[in-house]
PDB file of N, CA and C in Angstrom:
ATOM      1  N   UNK A   1       0.848  -1.338  -0.056  1.00  0.00           N
ATOM      2  CA  UNK A   1       0.047  -0.058   0.140  1.00  0.00           C
ATOM      3  C   UNK A   1       1.105   1.087  -0.117  1.00  0.00           C
ATOM      4  N   UNK A   2       0.259   2.469  -0.285  1.00  0.00           N
ATOM      5  CA  UNK A   2       0.716   3.534  -0.316  1.00  0.00           C
ATOM      6  C   UNK A   2       0.595   4.286   0.707  1.00  0.00           C
ATOM      7  N   UNK A   3       1.514   4.797   1.424  1.00  0.00           N
ATOM      8  CA  UNK A   3       1.354   5.982   2.567  1.00  0.00           C
ATOM      9  C   UNK A   3       0.297   6.946   2.009  1.00  0.00           C
ATOM     10  N   UNK A   4      -0.308   7.355   3.081  1.00  0.00           N
ATOM     11  CA  UNK A   4      -1.398   8.359   3.161  1.00  0.00           C
ATOM     12  C   UNK A   4      -0.899   9.764   2.749  1.00  0.00           C
ATOM     13  N   UNK A   5       0.677  10.129   3.037  1.00  0.00           N
ATOM     14  CA  UNK A   5       1.233  11.103   2.865  1.00  0.00           C
ATOM     15  C   UNK A   5       1.291  11.123   1.162  1.00  0.00           C
ATOM     16  N   UNK A   6       1.395  10.182   0.544  1.00  0.00           N
ATOM     17  CA  UNK A   6       1.292  10.419  -1.073  1.00  0.00           C
ATOM     18  C   UNK A   6       0.334  10.320  -1.845  1.00  0.00           C
ATOM     19  N   UNK A   7      -0.894  10.667  -0.873  1.00  0.00           N
ATOM     20  CA  UNK A   7      -2.339  10.225  -1.539  1.00  0.00           C
ATOM     21  C   UNK A   7      -2.336  11.514  -2.431  1.00  0.00           C
ATOM     22  N   UNK A   8      -1.949  12.529  -2.248  1.00  0.00           N
ATOM     23  CA  UNK A   8      -2.089  13.735  -3.469  1.00  0.00           C
ATOM     24  C   UNK A   8      -1.291  13.155  -4.776  1.00  0.00           C
ATOM     25  N   UNK A   9      -0.167  12.894  -4.591  1.00  0.00           N
ATOM     26  CA  UNK A   9       0.589  12.922  -5.757  1.00  0.00           C
ATOM     27  C   UNK A   9       0.232  11.443  -6.489  1.00  0.00           C
ATOM     28  N   UNK A  10      -0.218  10.438  -5.878  1.00  0.00           N
ATOM     29  CA  UNK A  10      -0.887   9.223  -6.208  1.00  0.00           C
ATOM     30  C   UNK A  10      -2.337   9.761  -6.945  1.00  0.00           C
ATOM     31  N   UNK A  11      -3.188  10.627  -6.695  1.00  0.00           N
ATOM     32  CA  UNK A  11      -4.502  11.070  -7.040  1.00  0.00           C
ATOM     33  C   UNK A  11      -3.751  11.756  -8.243  1.00  0.00           C
ATOM     34  N   UNK A  12      -2.971  12.680  -8.119  1.00  0.00           N
ATOM     35  CA  UNK A  12      -2.310  13.262  -9.409  1.00  0.00           C
ATOM     36  C   UNK A  12      -1.861  12.500 -10.611  1.00  0.00           C
ATOM     37  N   UNK A  13      -1.305  11.489 -10.222  1.00  0.00           N
ATOM     38  CA  UNK A  13      -0.705  10.502 -11.097  1.00  0.00           C
ATOM     39  C   UNK A  13      -2.239   9.877 -11.987  1.00  0.00           C
ATOM     40  N   UNK A  14      -2.854   9.074 -11.284  1.00  0.00           N
ATOM     41  CA  UNK A  14      -3.984   8.527 -11.909  1.00  0.00           C
ATOM     42  C   UNK A  14      -4.910   9.328 -12.791  1.00  0.00           C
ATOM     43  N   UNK A  15      -5.143  10.479 -12.065  1.00  0.00           N
ATOM     44  CA  UNK A  15      -6.236  11.490 -12.736  1.00  0.00           C
ATOM     45  C   UNK A  15      -5.464  11.957 -14.022  1.00  0.00           C
ATOM     46  N   UNK A  16      -4.273  12.030 -14.001  1.00  0.00           N
ATOM     47  CA  UNK A  16      -3.455  12.441 -15.431  1.00  0.00           C
ATOM     48  C   UNK A  16      -3.480  11.446 -16.119  1.00  0.00           C
ATOM     49  N   UNK A  17      -3.028  10.424 -15.558  1.00  0.00           N
ATOM     50  CA  UNK A  17      -3.036   8.969 -16.623  1.00  0.00           C
ATOM     51  C   UNK A  17      -4.474   8.555 -17.348  1.00  0.00           C
ATOM     52  N   UNK A  18      -5.422   8.677 -16.415  1.00  0.00           N
ATOM     53  CA  UNK A  18      -6.775   8.076 -17.148  1.00  0.00           C
ATOM     54  C   UNK A  18      -7.370   9.298 -18.209  1.00  0.00           C
ATOM     55  N   UNK A  19      -7.213  10.516 -17.402  1.00  0.00           N
ATOM     56  CA  UNK A  19      -7.575  11.584 -18.478  1.00  0.00           C
ATOM     57  C   UNK A  19      -6.935  11.952 -19.621  1.00  0.00           C
ATOM     58  N   UNK A  20      -5.528  11.543 -19.910  1.00  0.00           N
ATOM     59  CA  UNK A  20      -4.623  11.652 -20.978  1.00  0.00           C
ATOM     60  C   UNK A  20      -5.292  10.696 -22.038  1.00  0.00           C
ATOM     61  N   UNK A  21      -5.139   9.118 -21.338  1.00  0.00           N
ATOM     62  CA  UNK A  21      -5.624   8.187 -22.194  1.00  0.00           C
ATOM     63  C   UNK A  21      -6.752   8.675 -22.945  1.00  0.00           C
ATOM     64  N   UNK A  22      -7.729   8.978 -22.246  1.00  0.00           N
ATOM     65  CA  UNK A  22      -9.083   9.039 -22.910  1.00  0.00           C
ATOM     66  C   UNK A  22      -9.096  10.130 -23.685  1.00  0.00           C
ATOM     67  N   UNK A  23      -8.453  11.585 -23.104  1.00  0.00           N
ATOM     68  CA  UNK A  23      -8.510  12.520 -24.186  1.00  0.00           C
ATOM     69  C   UNK A  23      -7.509  12.375 -25.658  1.00  0.00           C
ATOM     70  N   UNK A  24      -6.384  11.746 -25.317  1.00  0.00           N
ATOM     71  CA  UNK A  24      -5.707  11.375 -26.566  1.00  0.00           C
ATOM     72  C   UNK A  24      -5.991  10.422 -27.531  1.00  0.00           C
ATOM     73  N   UNK A  25      -7.030   9.444 -27.092  1.00  0.00           N
ATOM     74  CA  UNK A  25      -7.678   8.587 -27.641  1.00  0.00           C
ATOM     75  C   UNK A  25      -8.481   9.033 -28.812  1.00  0.00           C
ATOM     76  N   UNK A  26      -9.462   9.842 -27.977  1.00  0.00           N
ATOM     77  CA  UNK A  26     -10.710  10.640 -28.776  1.00  0.00           C
ATOM     78  C   UNK A  26     -10.146  11.526 -29.744  1.00  0.00           C
ATOM     79  N   UNK A  27      -9.180  12.398 -29.320  1.00  0.00           N
ATOM     80  CA  UNK A  27      -8.537  13.436 -30.443  1.00  0.00           C
ATOM     81  C   UNK A  27      -7.916  12.859 -31.416  1.00  0.00           C
ATOM     82  N   UNK A  28      -6.947  11.774 -31.264  1.00  0.00           N
ATOM     83  CA  UNK A  28      -6.465  10.994 -32.236  1.00  0.00           C
ATOM     84  C   UNK A  28      -7.281   9.966 -33.272  1.00  0.00           C
ATOM     85  N   UNK A  29      -8.522   9.553 -32.537  1.00  0.00           N
ATOM     86  CA  UNK A  29      -9.467   9.166 -33.466  1.00  0.00           C
ATOM     87  C   UNK A  29     -10.466  10.105 -34.324  1.00  0.00           C
ATOM     88  N   UNK A  30     -10.509  11.135 -33.728  1.00  0.00           N
ATOM     89  CA  UNK A  30     -11.367  12.375 -34.458  1.00  0.00           C
ATOM     90  C   UNK A  30     -10.339  12.837 -35.601  1.00  0.00           C
ATOM     91  N   UNK A  31      -8.967  13.082 -35.334  1.00  0.00           N
ATOM     92  CA  UNK A  31      -8.121  13.513 -36.312  1.00  0.00           C
ATOM     93  C   UNK A  31      -7.928  12.412 -37.888  1.00  0.00           C
ATOM     94  N   UNK A  32      -7.476  11.202 -37.266  1.00  0.00           N
ATOM     95  CA  UNK A  32      -6.951  10.153 -38.139  1.00  0.00           C
ATOM     96  C   UNK A  32      -7.944   9.053 -38.030  1.00  0.00           C
ATOM     97  N   UNK A  33      -8.837   8.970 -37.232  1.00  0.00           N
ATOM     98  CA  UNK A  33      -9.825   7.628 -37.348  1.00  0.00           C
ATOM     99  C   UNK A  33      -9.016   6.239 -37.131  1.00  0.00           C
ATOM    100  N   UNK A  34      -9.722   5.117 -37.258  1.00  0.00           N
ATOM    101  CA  UNK A  34      -8.952   3.920 -36.985  1.00  0.00           C
ATOM    102  C   UNK A  34      -8.012   3.786 -38.694  1.00  0.00           C
ATOM    103  N   UNK A  35      -6.837   3.748 -38.189  1.00  0.00           N
ATOM    104  CA  UNK A  35      -6.264   3.305 -39.238  1.00  0.00           C
ATOM    105  C   UNK A  35      -5.159   2.379 -38.806  1.00  0.00           C
ATOM    106  N   UNK A  36      -4.104   1.731 -39.618  1.00  0.00           N
ATOM    107  CA  UNK A  36      -3.490   0.800 -39.528  1.00  0.00           C
ATOM    108  C   UNK A  36      -2.233   1.281 -38.160  1.00  0.00           C
ATOM    109  N   UNK A  37      -1.934   2.796 -38.369  1.00  0.00           N
ATOM    110  CA  UNK A  37      -1.071   3.350 -37.415  1.00  0.00           C
ATOM    111  C   UNK A  37      -1.568   4.052 -36.386  1.00  0.00           C
ATOM    112  N   UNK A  38      -3.126   3.688 -35.764  1.00  0.00           N
ATOM    113  CA  UNK A  38      -3.639   4.409 -35.231  1.00  0.00           C
ATOM    114  C   UNK A  38      -3.370   4.231 -33.858  1.00  0.00           C
ATOM    115  N   UNK A  39      -2.907   3.223 -33.444  1.00  0.00           N
ATOM    116  CA  UNK A  39      -2.592   2.811 -32.030  1.00  0.00           C
ATOM    117  C   UNK A  39      -1.120   3.239 -31.785  1.00  0.00           C
ATOM    118  N   UNK A  40      -0.329   3.527 -32.913  1.00  0.00           N
ATOM    119  CA  UNK A  40       0.963   4.249 -32.734  1.00  0.00           C
ATOM    120  C   UNK A  40       1.029   5.494 -32.695  1.00  0.00           C
ATOM    121  N   UNK A  41      -0.113   6.193 -33.323  1.00  0.00           N
ATOM    122  CA  UNK A  41      -0.132   7.539 -33.115  1.00  0.00           C
ATOM    123  C   UNK A  41      -0.813   8.153 -31.773  1.00  0.00           C
ATOM    124  N   UNK A  42      -1.952   7.345 -31.542  1.00  0.00           N
ATOM    125  CA  UNK A  42      -2.449   7.414 -30.322  1.00  0.00           C
ATOM    126  C   UNK A  42      -1.433   7.551 -29.325  1.00  0.00           C
ATOM    127  N   UNK A  43      -0.300   6.515 -28.957  1.00  0.00           N
ATOM    128  CA  UNK A  43       0.522   6.512 -28.133  1.00  0.00           C
ATOM    129  C   UNK A  43       1.502   7.468 -28.143  1.00  0.00           C
ATOM    130  N   UNK A  44       2.013   8.081 -29.272  1.00  0.00           N
ATOM    131  CA  UNK A  44       2.670   9.253 -29.411  1.00  0.00           C
ATOM    132  C   UNK A  44       2.142  10.287 -28.897  1.00  0.00           C
ATOM    133  N   UNK A  45       0.749  10.801 -29.229  1.00  0.00           N
ATOM    134  CA  UNK A  45       0.068  11.862 -28.501  1.00  0.00           C
ATOM    135  C   UNK A  45      -0.309  11.495 -27.251  1.00  0.00           C
ATOM    136  N   UNK A  46      -0.483  10.341 -26.373  1.00  0.00           N
ATOM    137  CA  UNK A  46      -0.608  10.226 -25.260  1.00  0.00           C
ATOM    138  C   UNK A  46       0.622  10.438 -24.171  1.00  0.00           C
ATOM    139  N   UNK A  47       1.837   9.707 -24.960  1.00  0.00           N
ATOM    140  CA  UNK A  47       3.082  10.361 -23.857  1.00  0.00           C
ATOM    141  C   UNK A  47       3.586  11.688 -23.928  1.00  0.00           C
ATOM    142  N   UNK A  48       3.029  12.361 -24.727  1.00  0.00           N
ATOM    143  CA  UNK A  48       3.476  13.842 -25.171  1.00  0.00           C
ATOM    144  C   UNK A  48       2.589  14.393 -23.873  1.00  0.00           C
ATOM    145  N   UNK A  49       1.221  14.217 -24.366  1.00  0.00           N
ATOM    146  CA  UNK A  49       0.342  14.881 -23.401  1.00  0.00           C
ATOM    147  C   UNK A  49       0.715  14.688 -21.867  1.00  0.00           C
ATOM    148  N   UNK A  50       1.136  13.302 -21.690  1.00  0.00           N
ATOM    149  CA  UNK A  50       1.123  12.920 -20.178  1.00  0.00           C
ATOM    150  C   UNK A  50       2.327  13.661 -19.192  1.00  0.00           C
ATOM    151  N   UNK A  51       3.372  14.025 -20.316  1.00  0.00           N
ATOM    152  CA  UNK A  51       4.408  14.893 -19.617  1.00  0.00           C
ATOM    153  C   UNK A  51       3.891  16.061 -19.159  1.00  0.00           C
ATOM    154  N   UNK A  52       2.848  16.627 -19.964  1.00  0.00           N
ATOM    155  CA  UNK A  52       2.235  18.106 -19.703  1.00  0.00           C
ATOM    156  C   UNK A  52       1.373  17.672 -18.651  1.00  0.00           C
ATOM    157  N   UNK A  53       0.511  16.765 -18.846  1.00  0.00           N
ATOM    158  CA  UNK A  53      -0.889  16.601 -17.842  1.00  0.00           C
ATOM    159  C   UNK A  53      -0.354  16.354 -16.415  1.00  0.00           C
ATOM    160  N   UNK A  54       0.599  15.804 -15.868  1.00  0.00           N
ATOM    161  CA  UNK A  54       1.131  15.073 -14.670  1.00  0.00           C
ATOM    162  C   UNK A  54       1.197  16.536 -13.876  1.00  0.00           C
ATOM    163  N   UNK A  55       2.374  17.238 -14.539  1.00  0.00           N
ATOM    164  CA  UNK A  55       2.393  18.372 -13.392  1.00  0.00           C
ATOM    165  C   UNK A  55       1.520  19.470 -13.423  1.00  0.00           C
ATOM    166  N   UNK A  56       0.649  19.443 -14.474  1.00  0.00           N
ATOM    167  CA  UNK A  56      -0.431  20.750 -14.449  1.00  0.00           C
ATOM    168  C   UNK A  56      -1.602  20.221 -13.403  1.00  0.00           C
ATOM    169  N   UNK A  57      -1.813  18.870 -13.464  1.00  0.00           N
ATOM    170  CA  UNK A  57      -2.893  18.274 -12.139  1.00  0.00           C
ATOM    171  C   UNK A  57      -2.197  18.605 -10.824  1.00  0.00           C
ATOM    172  N   UNK A  58      -1.107  18.512 -10.591  1.00  0.00           N
ATOM    173  CA  UNK A  58      -0.399  18.872  -9.344  1.00  0.00           C
ATOM    174  C   UNK A  58      -0.600  20.342  -9.138  1.00  0.00           C
ATOM    175  N   UNK A  59      -0.443  20.869 -10.208  1.00  0.00           N
ATOM    176  CA  UNK A  59      -0.373  22.771 -10.193  1.00  0.00           C
ATOM    177  C   UNK A  59      -2.046  22.749 -10.103  1.00  0.00           C
ATOM    178  N   UNK A  60      -2.879  22.578 -10.694  1.00  0.00           N
ATOM    179  CA  UNK A  60      -4.039  23.283 -10.871  1.00  0.00           C
ATOM    180  C   UNK A  60      -5.221  22.501  -9.789  1.00  0.00           C
ATOM    181  N   UNK A  61      -5.097  21.211  -9.194  1.00  0.00           N
ATOM    182  CA  UNK A  61      -6.099  20.930  -8.434  1.00  0.00           C
ATOM    183  C   UNK A  61      -6.196  21.836  -7.291  1.00  0.00           C
ATOM    184  N   UNK A  62      -4.914  21.912  -6.559  1.00  0.00           N
ATOM    185  CA  UNK A  62      -5.276  22.610  -5.494  1.00  0.00           C
ATOM    186  C   UNK A  62      -5.699  24.392  -5.427  1.00  0.00           C
ATOM    187  N   UNK A  63      -5.801  24.987  -6.763  1.00  0.00           N
ATOM    188  CA  UNK A  63      -6.254  26.006  -7.437  1.00  0.00           C
ATOM    189  C   UNK A  63      -7.792  25.770  -7.405  1.00  0.00           C
ATOM    190  N   UNK A  64      -8.247  24.492  -8.204  1.00  0.00           N
ATOM    191  CA  UNK A  64      -9.525  24.160  -8.324  1.00  0.00           C
ATOM    192  C   UNK A  64     -10.310  24.193  -6.898  1.00  0.00           C
ATOM    193  N   UNK A  65      -9.557  23.386  -6.122  1.00  0.00           N
ATOM    194  CA  UNK A  65     -10.378  23.088  -4.657  1.00  0.00           C
ATOM    195  C   UNK A  65     -10.269  24.154  -3.916  1.00  0.00           C
ATOM    196  N   UNK A  66      -9.586  25.325  -4.064  1.00  0.00           N
ATOM    197  CA  UNK A  66      -9.912  26.734  -3.118  1.00  0.00           C
ATOM    198  C   UNK A  66     -11.206  27.476  -4.033  1.00  0.00           C
ATOM    199  N   UNK A  67     -11.092  27.339  -5.385  1.00  0.00           N
ATOM    200  CA  UNK A  67     -12.284  27.616  -6.063  1.00  0.00           C
ATOM    201  C   UNK A  67     -13.318  27.495  -5.823  1.00  0.00           C
ATOM    202  N   UNK A  68     -13.597  26.005  -5.570  1.00  0.00           N
ATOM    203  CA  UNK A  68     -14.780  25.332  -5.422  1.00  0.00           C
ATOM    204  C   UNK A  68     -15.516  25.587  -4.049  1.00  0.00           C
ATOM    205  N   UNK A  69     -14.409  25.389  -3.123  1.00  0.00           N
ATOM    206  CA  UNK A  69     -14.568  25.665  -1.594  1.00  0.00           C
ATOM    207  C   UNK A  69     -15.175  27.277  -1.741  1.00  0.00           C
ATOM    208  N   UNK A  70     -14.947  28.155  -2.335  1.00  0.00           N
ATOM    209  CA  UNK A  70     -15.535  29.453  -2.225  1.00  0.00           C
ATOM    210  C   UNK A  70     -16.754  29.541  -3.181  1.00  0.00           C
ATOM    211  N   UNK A  71     -17.219  28.719  -3.936  1.00  0.00           N
ATOM    212  CA  UNK A  71     -18.294  28.631  -4.806  1.00  0.00           C
ATOM    213  C   UNK A  71     -19.542  27.941  -4.181  1.00  0.00           C
ATOM    214  N   UNK A  72     -19.341  26.782  -3.379  1.00  0.00           N
ATOM    215  CA  UNK A  72     -20.247  26.124  -3.000  1.00  0.00           C
ATOM    216  C   UNK A  72     -20.563  26.128  -1.478  1.00  0.00           C
ATOM    217  N   UNK A  73     -21.826  26.149  -1.330  1.00  0.00           N
ATOM    218  CA  UNK A  73     -22.155  26.703   0.186  1.00  0.00           C
ATOM    219  C   UNK A  73     -22.185  25.739   1.163  1.00  0.00           C
ATOM    220  N   UNK A  74     -21.619  25.705   2.489  1.00  0.00           N
ATOM    221  CA  UNK A  74     -21.929  24.716   3.346  1.00  0.00           C
ATOM    222  C   UNK A  74     -23.126  24.961   3.940  1.00  0.00           C
ATOM    223  N   UNK A  75     -23.698  23.849   4.592  1.00  0.00           N
ATOM    224  CA  UNK A  75     -24.971  23.619   4.970  1.00  0.00           C
ATOM    225  C   UNK A  75     -25.136  23.132   6.310  1.00  0.00           C
TER     226      UNK A  75
END
């Protein structure tokens, strides 16, 4: 098991992983359709996007949490 102190990094890793897989797959399909080279093109798009997505999630999530906390009323 992963220690609790690494929860945020683990969250960021999986959130960016799944979102990058999904979005790169959809965008690659929209741009090129299913071809013989689809998975090679998709994987190329995926790893390039993931290099940006992981640090972006680490940066953006705390900001989004603060915005949401201000917008959502407590009852």
